[in-house]
Amino acid sequence: MTPQKTSPTFPALMRVSPDDVPFFSPEPGLLRRILAHNENMMLVEHKMEATWVGARHSHPHDQLVYVIQGRLLFRCGEDEFVAGPGDSFVIKGGLLHAASALEPSVVLDVFTPYREDYLPSANGQGPKTPRASVSP
C-alpha cells in the first residue's frame, strides 16, 4: 500500500515579515525567499547575481514574473526577450523556460498553485515556515 501524502494546512491569513523568512541559496548565484502563500498561490522573491544562469525547465504551475531590479534574458518556449525593471509576464504551466541574469537582479514570482517543492519540508533546505496570523 502506498502511503498517502498529506497537504499542509494553511491559515486564513498569512502575514510575512522579512525577519521571519531569510534568503537561502538553492543554487549558486541565486537567493530565494519564500513569502506569503496558501494552497492556491505563492509569492517568492529571487535575487540573482550577474553571472547566474538558470537551467531550462518546466513545472505545472502558472508563473507570474515581475522584475524589480536588473535585467534578465528569458527563454520561454520559442520566445527570447530581455526584461528589466517594471516588466512583467505570465508563463503558463508546462511551458519550457529558462532565465539568466545580465546584471544583478531582483524578481518577484507568483506561482499558482503554490510550489510544494519550494517548502522546507520538501527539500530539506531553505527557510523556516513563515509565521502565520490567523484572522478572527
N, C-alpha and C. Protein backbone atom coordinates (compact mmCIF):
# COMPACT_ATOMS: atom_id res chain seq x y z
N MET A 1 0.84 -1.17 0.00
CA MET A 1 0.00 0.00 0.00
C MET A 1 0.89 1.25 0.00
N THR A 2 0.58 2.20 -0.85
CA THR A 2 1.34 3.44 -0.96
C THR A 2 0.85 4.42 0.10
N PRO A 3 1.79 5.00 0.88
CA PRO A 3 1.36 5.98 1.88
C PRO A 3 0.79 7.22 1.22
N GLN A 4 -0.26 7.76 1.81
CA GLN A 4 -0.86 8.97 1.27
C GLN A 4 -0.06 10.19 1.69
N LYS A 5 0.06 11.11 0.76
CA LYS A 5 0.77 12.36 1.01
C LYS A 5 -0.19 13.32 1.70
N THR A 6 0.25 13.96 2.75
CA THR A 6 -0.61 14.92 3.43
C THR A 6 -0.22 16.33 3.00
N SER A 7 -1.23 17.14 2.76
CA SER A 7 -1.01 18.53 2.37
C SER A 7 -0.95 19.39 3.62
N PRO A 8 -0.13 20.44 3.58
CA PRO A 8 -0.10 21.33 4.74
C PRO A 8 -1.43 22.05 4.90
N THR A 9 -1.72 22.46 6.10
CA THR A 9 -2.91 23.26 6.37
C THR A 9 -2.49 24.72 6.40
N PHE A 10 -3.21 25.54 5.66
CA PHE A 10 -2.88 26.96 5.57
C PHE A 10 -3.87 27.78 6.39
N PRO A 11 -3.38 28.80 7.08
CA PRO A 11 -4.27 29.66 7.86
C PRO A 11 -5.10 30.56 6.94
N ALA A 12 -6.13 31.14 7.47
CA ALA A 12 -6.97 32.07 6.71
C ALA A 12 -6.20 33.33 6.34
N LEU A 13 -5.21 33.70 7.14
CA LEU A 13 -4.37 34.87 6.88
C LEU A 13 -2.93 34.51 7.17
N MET A 14 -2.05 34.75 6.21
CA MET A 14 -0.62 34.56 6.46
C MET A 14 0.07 35.90 6.20
N ARG A 15 0.66 36.46 7.24
CA ARG A 15 1.44 37.69 7.12
C ARG A 15 2.89 37.30 7.27
N VAL A 16 3.75 37.87 6.43
CA VAL A 16 5.17 37.53 6.46
C VAL A 16 5.99 38.80 6.59
N SER A 17 6.84 38.84 7.59
CA SER A 17 7.78 39.94 7.79
C SER A 17 9.13 39.49 7.23
N PRO A 18 9.93 40.40 6.68
CA PRO A 18 11.25 40.00 6.18
C PRO A 18 12.11 39.30 7.23
N ASP A 19 11.92 39.64 8.50
CA ASP A 19 12.69 39.00 9.57
C ASP A 19 12.28 37.54 9.77
N ASP A 20 11.08 37.19 9.33
CA ASP A 20 10.58 35.83 9.51
C ASP A 20 11.17 34.84 8.52
N VAL A 21 11.58 35.33 7.36
CA VAL A 21 12.00 34.42 6.29
C VAL A 21 13.28 34.90 5.62
N PRO A 22 14.41 34.40 6.05
CA PRO A 22 15.68 34.81 5.43
C PRO A 22 15.83 34.21 4.03
N PHE A 23 16.69 34.80 3.24
CA PHE A 23 17.03 34.24 1.94
C PHE A 23 17.84 32.97 2.15
N PHE A 24 17.75 32.05 1.21
CA PHE A 24 18.61 30.87 1.17
C PHE A 24 19.02 30.65 -0.28
N SER A 25 20.05 29.87 -0.50
CA SER A 25 20.60 29.67 -1.84
C SER A 25 20.32 28.25 -2.33
N PRO A 26 19.34 28.09 -3.23
CA PRO A 26 19.06 26.76 -3.76
C PRO A 26 20.07 26.32 -4.82
N GLU A 27 20.84 27.30 -5.35
CA GLU A 27 21.88 27.01 -6.36
C GLU A 27 22.82 28.20 -6.42
N PRO A 28 24.04 28.01 -6.93
CA PRO A 28 24.99 29.12 -6.99
C PRO A 28 24.46 30.32 -7.78
N GLY A 29 24.65 31.51 -7.21
CA GLY A 29 24.26 32.75 -7.88
C GLY A 29 22.81 33.15 -7.69
N LEU A 30 22.03 32.34 -6.95
CA LEU A 30 20.60 32.60 -6.77
C LEU A 30 20.26 32.56 -5.28
N LEU A 31 19.54 33.60 -4.84
CA LEU A 31 18.98 33.61 -3.49
C LEU A 31 17.47 33.59 -3.60
N ARG A 32 16.83 32.87 -2.69
CA ARG A 32 15.37 32.72 -2.72
C ARG A 32 14.82 32.99 -1.33
N ARG A 33 13.65 33.65 -1.31
CA ARG A 33 12.92 33.86 -0.06
C ARG A 33 11.45 33.55 -0.33
N ILE A 34 10.91 32.60 0.43
CA ILE A 34 9.51 32.21 0.29
C ILE A 34 8.68 33.17 1.14
N LEU A 35 7.79 33.90 0.49
CA LEU A 35 6.96 34.89 1.18
C LEU A 35 5.57 34.30 1.44
N ALA A 36 4.56 35.13 1.53
CA ALA A 36 3.22 34.66 1.85
C ALA A 36 2.72 33.66 0.80
N HIS A 37 1.99 32.67 1.28
CA HIS A 37 1.43 31.66 0.37
C HIS A 37 0.30 30.90 1.04
N ASN A 38 -0.50 30.29 0.21
CA ASN A 38 -1.52 29.34 0.67
C ASN A 38 -1.61 28.24 -0.38
N GLU A 39 -2.65 27.43 -0.33
CA GLU A 39 -2.74 26.31 -1.26
C GLU A 39 -2.96 26.75 -2.71
N ASN A 40 -3.38 28.00 -2.93
CA ASN A 40 -3.68 28.47 -4.28
C ASN A 40 -2.57 29.27 -4.93
N MET A 41 -1.70 29.89 -4.14
CA MET A 41 -0.66 30.75 -4.72
C MET A 41 0.51 30.90 -3.76
N MET A 42 1.63 31.34 -4.33
CA MET A 42 2.85 31.53 -3.53
C MET A 42 3.63 32.71 -4.09
N LEU A 43 4.06 33.62 -3.21
CA LEU A 43 4.89 34.75 -3.57
C LEU A 43 6.33 34.43 -3.19
N VAL A 44 7.24 34.58 -4.16
CA VAL A 44 8.65 34.23 -3.95
C VAL A 44 9.52 35.37 -4.46
N GLU A 45 10.50 35.77 -3.65
CA GLU A 45 11.47 36.79 -4.07
C GLU A 45 12.77 36.09 -4.44
N HIS A 46 13.29 36.44 -5.62
CA HIS A 46 14.57 35.88 -6.08
C HIS A 46 15.56 37.02 -6.31
N LYS A 47 16.81 36.80 -5.88
CA LYS A 47 17.91 37.71 -6.17
C LYS A 47 18.94 36.92 -6.97
N MET A 48 19.35 37.46 -8.11
CA MET A 48 20.30 36.78 -8.97
C MET A 48 21.57 37.60 -9.11
N GLU A 49 22.72 36.92 -9.01
CA GLU A 49 23.99 37.56 -9.32
C GLU A 49 24.08 37.71 -10.84
N ALA A 50 24.94 38.62 -11.30
CA ALA A 50 25.08 38.88 -12.73
C ALA A 50 25.53 37.65 -13.51
N THR A 51 26.14 36.70 -12.84
CA THR A 51 26.65 35.50 -13.52
C THR A 51 25.67 34.33 -13.49
N TRP A 52 24.51 34.50 -12.87
CA TRP A 52 23.57 33.39 -12.71
C TRP A 52 22.94 32.99 -14.04
N VAL A 53 22.93 31.69 -14.28
CA VAL A 53 22.25 31.11 -15.45
C VAL A 53 21.38 29.97 -14.95
N GLY A 54 20.09 30.12 -15.11
CA GLY A 54 19.15 29.09 -14.66
C GLY A 54 18.99 27.99 -15.69
N ALA A 55 18.76 26.79 -15.22
CA ALA A 55 18.55 25.64 -16.12
C ALA A 55 17.19 25.75 -16.81
N ARG A 56 17.12 25.29 -18.04
CA ARG A 56 15.85 25.23 -18.77
C ARG A 56 14.99 24.17 -18.07
N HIS A 57 13.75 24.50 -17.79
CA HIS A 57 12.88 23.60 -17.04
C HIS A 57 11.42 23.93 -17.31
N SER A 58 10.55 23.10 -16.80
CA SER A 58 9.12 23.39 -16.80
C SER A 58 8.54 22.86 -15.50
N HIS A 59 7.38 23.34 -15.16
CA HIS A 59 6.65 22.89 -13.97
C HIS A 59 5.17 23.10 -14.24
N PRO A 60 4.30 22.42 -13.51
CA PRO A 60 2.87 22.54 -13.80
C PRO A 60 2.23 23.84 -13.32
N HIS A 61 2.97 24.66 -12.58
CA HIS A 61 2.42 25.88 -12.00
C HIS A 61 2.45 27.02 -13.02
N ASP A 62 1.39 27.83 -13.07
CA ASP A 62 1.46 29.10 -13.79
C ASP A 62 2.39 29.99 -12.97
N GLN A 63 3.17 30.83 -13.68
CA GLN A 63 4.15 31.69 -13.00
C GLN A 63 4.00 33.11 -13.52
N LEU A 64 3.77 34.03 -12.61
CA LEU A 64 3.72 35.46 -12.90
C LEU A 64 5.05 36.04 -12.46
N VAL A 65 5.74 36.75 -13.35
CA VAL A 65 7.07 37.30 -13.08
C VAL A 65 7.00 38.82 -13.13
N TYR A 66 7.58 39.47 -12.11
CA TYR A 66 7.69 40.93 -12.08
C TYR A 66 9.14 41.27 -11.75
N VAL A 67 9.79 41.98 -12.65
CA VAL A 67 11.19 42.36 -12.46
C VAL A 67 11.24 43.67 -11.68
N ILE A 68 11.90 43.64 -10.51
CA ILE A 68 12.03 44.82 -9.67
C ILE A 68 13.30 45.59 -10.02
N GLN A 69 14.38 44.85 -10.23
CA GLN A 69 15.69 45.48 -10.45
C GLN A 69 16.51 44.60 -11.38
N GLY A 70 17.36 45.23 -12.20
CA GLY A 70 18.28 44.50 -13.06
C GLY A 70 17.68 44.18 -14.42
N ARG A 71 18.41 43.35 -15.16
CA ARG A 71 17.96 42.90 -16.49
C ARG A 71 18.25 41.42 -16.60
N LEU A 72 17.27 40.70 -17.15
CA LEU A 72 17.41 39.26 -17.32
C LEU A 72 17.02 38.86 -18.73
N LEU A 73 17.65 37.82 -19.23
CA LEU A 73 17.31 37.23 -20.52
C LEU A 73 16.41 36.04 -20.22
N PHE A 74 15.23 36.01 -20.85
CA PHE A 74 14.29 34.91 -20.66
C PHE A 74 14.11 34.16 -21.97
N ARG A 75 14.02 32.85 -21.86
CA ARG A 75 13.68 31.99 -22.98
C ARG A 75 12.44 31.21 -22.55
N CYS A 76 11.33 31.51 -23.20
CA CYS A 76 10.05 30.87 -22.86
C CYS A 76 9.49 30.24 -24.12
N GLY A 77 9.52 28.91 -24.18
CA GLY A 77 9.12 28.24 -25.41
C GLY A 77 10.08 28.65 -26.51
N GLU A 78 9.56 29.19 -27.60
CA GLU A 78 10.37 29.66 -28.73
C GLU A 78 10.74 31.14 -28.61
N ASP A 79 10.17 31.84 -27.63
CA ASP A 79 10.41 33.28 -27.47
C ASP A 79 11.64 33.54 -26.61
N GLU A 80 12.37 34.59 -26.96
CA GLU A 80 13.52 35.03 -26.19
C GLU A 80 13.43 36.55 -26.07
N PHE A 81 13.59 37.07 -24.87
CA PHE A 81 13.47 38.51 -24.66
C PHE A 81 14.22 38.93 -23.41
N VAL A 82 14.53 40.23 -23.34
CA VAL A 82 15.17 40.81 -22.16
C VAL A 82 14.08 41.56 -21.39
N ALA A 83 14.06 41.37 -20.07
CA ALA A 83 13.10 42.07 -19.22
C ALA A 83 13.87 42.88 -18.18
N GLY A 84 13.37 44.08 -17.90
CA GLY A 84 14.00 44.97 -16.94
C GLY A 84 12.99 45.48 -15.94
N PRO A 85 13.39 46.42 -15.10
CA PRO A 85 12.54 46.94 -14.03
C PRO A 85 11.15 47.35 -14.53
N GLY A 86 10.13 46.84 -13.86
CA GLY A 86 8.75 47.16 -14.21
C GLY A 86 8.13 46.20 -15.20
N ASP A 87 8.93 45.37 -15.87
CA ASP A 87 8.38 44.40 -16.82
C ASP A 87 7.74 43.24 -16.07
N SER A 88 6.66 42.71 -16.63
CA SER A 88 6.00 41.54 -16.06
C SER A 88 5.46 40.67 -17.18
N PHE A 89 5.31 39.39 -16.88
CA PHE A 89 4.74 38.45 -17.84
C PHE A 89 4.29 37.20 -17.11
N VAL A 90 3.48 36.40 -17.78
CA VAL A 90 2.97 35.15 -17.22
C VAL A 90 3.46 34.00 -18.08
N ILE A 91 3.95 32.95 -17.41
CA ILE A 91 4.37 31.72 -18.07
C ILE A 91 3.34 30.65 -17.71
N LYS A 92 2.69 30.10 -18.71
CA LYS A 92 1.69 29.05 -18.47
C LYS A 92 2.38 27.79 -17.97
N GLY A 93 1.77 27.10 -17.04
CA GLY A 93 2.32 25.85 -16.53
C GLY A 93 2.61 24.89 -17.67
N GLY A 94 3.74 24.20 -17.59
CA GLY A 94 4.14 23.23 -18.61
C GLY A 94 5.02 23.78 -19.70
N LEU A 95 5.15 25.13 -19.82
CA LEU A 95 5.98 25.73 -20.86
C LEU A 95 7.45 25.64 -20.45
N LEU A 96 8.28 25.13 -21.35
CA LEU A 96 9.72 25.05 -21.10
C LEU A 96 10.28 26.46 -21.10
N HIS A 97 11.07 26.81 -20.04
CA HIS A 97 11.60 28.16 -19.94
C HIS A 97 12.92 28.18 -19.16
N ALA A 98 13.65 29.28 -19.33
CA ALA A 98 14.92 29.49 -18.63
C ALA A 98 15.17 30.98 -18.52
N ALA A 99 16.02 31.34 -17.57
CA ALA A 99 16.39 32.75 -17.40
C ALA A 99 17.86 32.83 -17.06
N SER A 100 18.46 33.97 -17.40
CA SER A 100 19.83 34.25 -16.98
C SER A 100 19.93 35.74 -16.70
N ALA A 101 20.71 36.08 -15.68
CA ALA A 101 20.85 37.47 -15.27
C ALA A 101 21.93 38.15 -16.11
N LEU A 102 21.62 39.32 -16.63
CA LEU A 102 22.58 40.13 -17.38
C LEU A 102 23.29 41.11 -16.46
N GLU A 103 22.71 41.31 -15.28
CA GLU A 103 23.28 42.14 -14.23
C GLU A 103 22.60 41.71 -12.93
N PRO A 104 23.09 42.15 -11.78
CA PRO A 104 22.42 41.77 -10.54
C PRO A 104 20.93 42.13 -10.63
N SER A 105 20.07 41.20 -10.24
CA SER A 105 18.63 41.38 -10.47
C SER A 105 17.81 40.90 -9.28
N VAL A 106 16.61 41.47 -9.19
CA VAL A 106 15.64 41.07 -8.17
C VAL A 106 14.30 40.88 -8.88
N VAL A 107 13.67 39.74 -8.61
CA VAL A 107 12.41 39.38 -9.27
C VAL A 107 11.42 38.89 -8.22
N LEU A 108 10.15 39.23 -8.39
CA LEU A 108 9.07 38.63 -7.62
C LEU A 108 8.35 37.65 -8.53
N ASP A 109 8.15 36.44 -8.04
CA ASP A 109 7.41 35.42 -8.77
C ASP A 109 6.17 35.04 -7.97
N VAL A 110 5.06 34.88 -8.66
CA VAL A 110 3.85 34.34 -8.06
C VAL A 110 3.57 33.03 -8.78
N PHE A 111 3.41 31.96 -8.02
CA PHE A 111 3.11 30.65 -8.58
C PHE A 111 1.70 30.25 -8.16
N THR A 112 0.99 29.63 -9.10
CA THR A 112 -0.32 29.09 -8.76
C THR A 112 -0.49 27.73 -9.42
N PRO A 113 -0.82 26.69 -8.65
CA PRO A 113 -0.91 26.72 -7.20
C PRO A 113 0.48 26.87 -6.58
N TYR A 114 0.55 26.80 -5.27
CA TYR A 114 1.83 27.00 -4.59
C TYR A 114 2.83 25.92 -4.99
N ARG A 115 4.13 26.25 -4.84
CA ARG A 115 5.21 25.31 -5.16
C ARG A 115 5.51 24.48 -3.94
N GLU A 116 4.91 23.32 -3.84
CA GLU A 116 5.15 22.42 -2.72
C GLU A 116 6.64 22.08 -2.62
N ASP A 117 7.30 21.98 -3.78
CA ASP A 117 8.73 21.64 -3.80
C ASP A 117 9.61 22.76 -3.25
N TYR A 118 9.07 23.96 -3.08
CA TYR A 118 9.84 25.08 -2.52
C TYR A 118 9.78 25.11 -1.00
N LEU A 119 8.86 24.39 -0.40
CA LEU A 119 8.71 24.41 1.05
C LEU A 119 9.87 23.66 1.71
N PRO A 120 10.31 24.12 2.87
CA PRO A 120 11.46 23.49 3.54
C PRO A 120 11.28 22.00 3.77
N SER A 121 10.08 21.58 4.08
CA SER A 121 9.85 20.16 4.35
C SER A 121 10.03 19.31 3.10
N ALA A 122 9.90 19.91 1.92
CA ALA A 122 10.02 19.16 0.66
C ALA A 122 11.46 18.96 0.23
N ASN A 123 12.33 19.93 0.54
CA ASN A 123 13.69 19.84 0.02
C ASN A 123 14.77 19.81 1.10
N GLY A 124 14.37 19.87 2.35
CA GLY A 124 15.34 19.77 3.43
C GLY A 124 16.25 20.98 3.58
N GLN A 125 16.00 22.04 2.83
CA GLN A 125 16.80 23.25 2.96
C GLN A 125 15.87 24.44 2.99
N GLY A 126 16.46 25.59 3.09
CA GLY A 126 15.66 26.80 2.99
C GLY A 126 15.16 27.30 4.32
N PRO A 127 14.19 28.20 4.25
CA PRO A 127 13.77 28.93 5.44
C PRO A 127 12.80 28.14 6.29
N LYS A 128 12.61 28.67 7.49
CA LYS A 128 11.55 28.12 8.31
C LYS A 128 10.23 28.55 7.70
N THR A 129 9.15 27.91 8.08
CA THR A 129 7.84 28.28 7.58
C THR A 129 7.46 29.65 8.15
N PRO A 130 6.94 30.56 7.32
CA PRO A 130 6.58 31.88 7.82
C PRO A 130 5.58 31.80 8.96
N ARG A 131 5.69 32.75 9.85
CA ARG A 131 4.76 32.84 10.97
C ARG A 131 3.39 33.19 10.41
N ALA A 132 2.37 32.49 10.79
CA ALA A 132 1.03 32.73 10.27
C ALA A 132 0.22 33.54 11.27
N SER A 133 -0.56 34.46 10.76
CA SER A 133 -1.50 35.20 11.58
C SER A 133 -2.88 34.75 11.16
N VAL A 134 -3.65 34.27 12.09
CA VAL A 134 -4.99 33.79 11.77
C VAL A 134 -5.99 34.89 12.09
N SER A 135 -6.83 35.20 11.10
CA SER A 135 -7.82 36.23 11.32
C SER A 135 -8.97 35.68 12.16
N PRO A 136 -9.60 36.53 12.95
CA PRO A 136 -10.70 36.07 13.82
C PRO A 136 -11.92 35.67 13.03
